[in-house]
């Protein structure tokens, strides 16, 4: 597949956290997963990566996945997986929770009911 063809592979936009390990370095970094496909993902975080760097990313319900940094733009970077994954597994609810248990990230407070005042004559 050529590069433009490869970019047409379906990606799921999402927002979740994942752990990232850099090859040859100790410790894990927390990154935000912005989109995900069977062949790769876009991550965002303050970790310094370089094109071609080998990384491992721990995705919910999938575990550690080996990959390579494919591109970098500011604090976002793309990871191409060594082996394809099933992105639907990552979206499944955490055990013990159903999809209905998830609360929205931001909730707008309810509006106060309008006060009952007599109308003014203009």
Protein backbone atom coordinates (compact mmCIF):
# COMPACT_ATOMS: atom_id res chain seq x y z
CA UNK A 1 0.00 0.00 0.00
CA UNK A 2 1.28 3.46 -0.77
CA UNK A 3 1.38 6.09 1.99
CA UNK A 4 -1.82 7.90 0.84
CA UNK A 5 -3.64 4.54 0.61
CA UNK A 6 -2.42 3.60 4.08
CA UNK A 7 -3.84 6.83 5.55
CA UNK A 8 -7.32 5.83 4.33
CA UNK A 9 -7.46 2.86 6.71
CA UNK A 10 -10.32 3.41 9.17
CA UNK A 11 -9.35 5.14 12.41
CA UNK A 12 -11.46 5.57 15.53
CA UNK A 13 -11.22 8.95 17.22
CA UNK A 14 -11.17 8.64 20.98
CA UNK A 15 -9.66 10.07 24.10
CA UNK A 16 -8.10 7.72 26.60
CA UNK A 17 -4.85 7.37 28.50
CA UNK A 18 -2.19 4.72 27.88
CA UNK A 19 1.29 3.84 29.13
CA UNK A 20 4.25 4.21 26.78
CA UNK A 21 7.73 2.69 27.10
CA UNK A 22 10.68 3.88 25.03
CA UNK A 23 13.16 1.29 23.83
CA UNK A 24 16.28 1.32 25.97
CA UNK A 25 14.85 3.59 28.68
CA UNK A 26 13.49 2.81 32.13
CA UNK A 27 10.04 3.92 33.22
CA UNK A 28 6.66 4.46 31.65
CA UNK A 29 5.11 7.67 30.33
CA UNK A 30 1.40 8.51 30.31
CA UNK A 31 0.13 9.62 26.89
CA UNK A 32 -3.26 10.47 25.47
CA UNK A 33 -4.55 8.26 22.67
CA UNK A 34 -6.23 10.52 20.11
CA UNK A 35 -7.10 8.01 17.41
CA UNK A 36 -6.60 4.32 16.86
CA UNK A 37 -6.68 1.84 14.00
CA UNK A 38 -5.65 -1.78 13.60
CA UNK A 39 -2.25 -0.69 12.29
CA UNK A 40 -1.38 2.28 14.47
CA UNK A 41 -2.39 5.24 16.57
CA UNK A 42 -1.86 8.91 17.28
CA UNK A 43 -0.61 9.76 20.77
CA UNK A 44 -0.06 13.04 22.55
CA UNK A 45 2.18 13.77 25.50
CA UNK A 46 5.27 15.49 26.81
CA UNK A 47 7.53 12.49 26.15
CA UNK A 48 10.40 13.08 23.68
CA UNK A 49 10.38 10.61 20.81
CA UNK A 50 12.23 10.41 17.48
CA UNK A 51 11.21 9.08 14.08
CA UNK A 52 11.94 5.37 13.83
CA UNK A 53 12.21 4.93 17.62
CA UNK A 54 10.91 1.59 18.89
CA UNK A 55 8.19 1.91 21.54
CA UNK A 56 5.75 -0.28 23.44
CA UNK A 57 2.28 1.00 24.30
CA UNK A 58 -0.13 -0.59 26.79
CA UNK A 59 -3.69 -0.42 25.49
CA UNK A 60 -6.74 -1.32 27.56
CA UNK A 61 -7.95 -4.91 26.96
CA UNK A 62 -5.07 -5.54 24.52
CA UNK A 63 -1.94 -5.20 26.65
CA UNK A 64 1.53 -4.16 25.50
CA UNK A 65 1.84 -3.56 21.76
CA UNK A 66 5.17 -3.08 19.98
CA UNK A 67 5.46 -0.23 17.51
CA UNK A 68 7.65 2.35 15.83
CA UNK A 69 7.30 6.14 15.84
CA UNK A 70 6.20 7.03 12.29
CA UNK A 71 5.86 10.83 12.54
CA UNK A 72 6.07 13.68 15.04
CA UNK A 73 4.29 17.05 15.10
CA UNK A 74 4.65 19.20 18.23
CA UNK A 75 3.45 17.07 21.17
CA UNK A 76 1.62 14.57 18.94
CA UNK A 77 3.16 11.56 17.25
CA UNK A 78 2.11 8.54 15.25
CA UNK A 79 2.94 4.95 16.15
CA UNK A 80 2.86 2.17 13.56
CA UNK A 81 2.19 -1.19 15.24
CA UNK A 82 4.43 -4.15 14.44
CA UNK A 83 1.37 -6.46 14.48
CA UNK A 84 -2.23 -5.33 13.87
CA UNK A 85 -4.63 -5.13 16.82
CA UNK A 86 -8.41 -5.16 17.16
CA UNK A 87 -9.27 -1.52 18.00
CA UNK A 88 -12.80 -2.54 19.05
CA UNK A 89 -11.32 -4.33 22.08
CA UNK A 90 -9.76 -1.09 23.31
CA UNK A 91 -13.16 0.63 23.22
CA UNK A 92 -14.88 -2.03 25.34
CA UNK A 93 -15.91 -0.90 28.84
CA UNK A 94 -13.71 -1.75 31.78
CA UNK A 95 -14.86 -4.95 33.55
CA UNK A 96 -17.60 -4.23 36.05
CA UNK A 97 -18.82 -1.20 34.11
CA UNK A 98 -21.30 -1.00 31.30
CA UNK A 99 -21.34 1.70 28.66
CA UNK A 100 -24.20 3.30 30.64
CA UNK A 101 -21.91 3.70 33.69
CA UNK A 102 -19.66 6.19 31.96
CA UNK A 103 -20.26 9.78 32.98
CA UNK A 104 -19.50 12.56 30.52
CA UNK A 105 -16.18 14.27 31.11
CA UNK A 106 -17.78 17.69 31.53
CA UNK A 107 -21.33 18.26 32.66
CA UNK A 108 -22.99 21.62 32.25
CA UNK A 109 -24.83 22.61 35.44
CA UNK A 110 -28.60 22.80 35.05
CA UNK A 111 -30.09 26.21 34.45
CA UNK A 112 -32.09 27.73 37.27
CA UNK A 113 -35.79 27.97 36.54
CA UNK A 114 -36.88 31.44 35.53
CA UNK A 115 -38.22 33.58 38.35
CA UNK A 116 -41.93 34.35 38.33
CA UNK A 117 -42.24 38.11 38.21
CA UNK A 118 -45.13 40.17 37.00
CA UNK A 119 -44.62 41.57 33.52
CA UNK A 120 -43.82 45.25 33.19
CA UNK A 121 -45.86 47.42 30.96
CA UNK A 122 -43.76 49.39 28.47
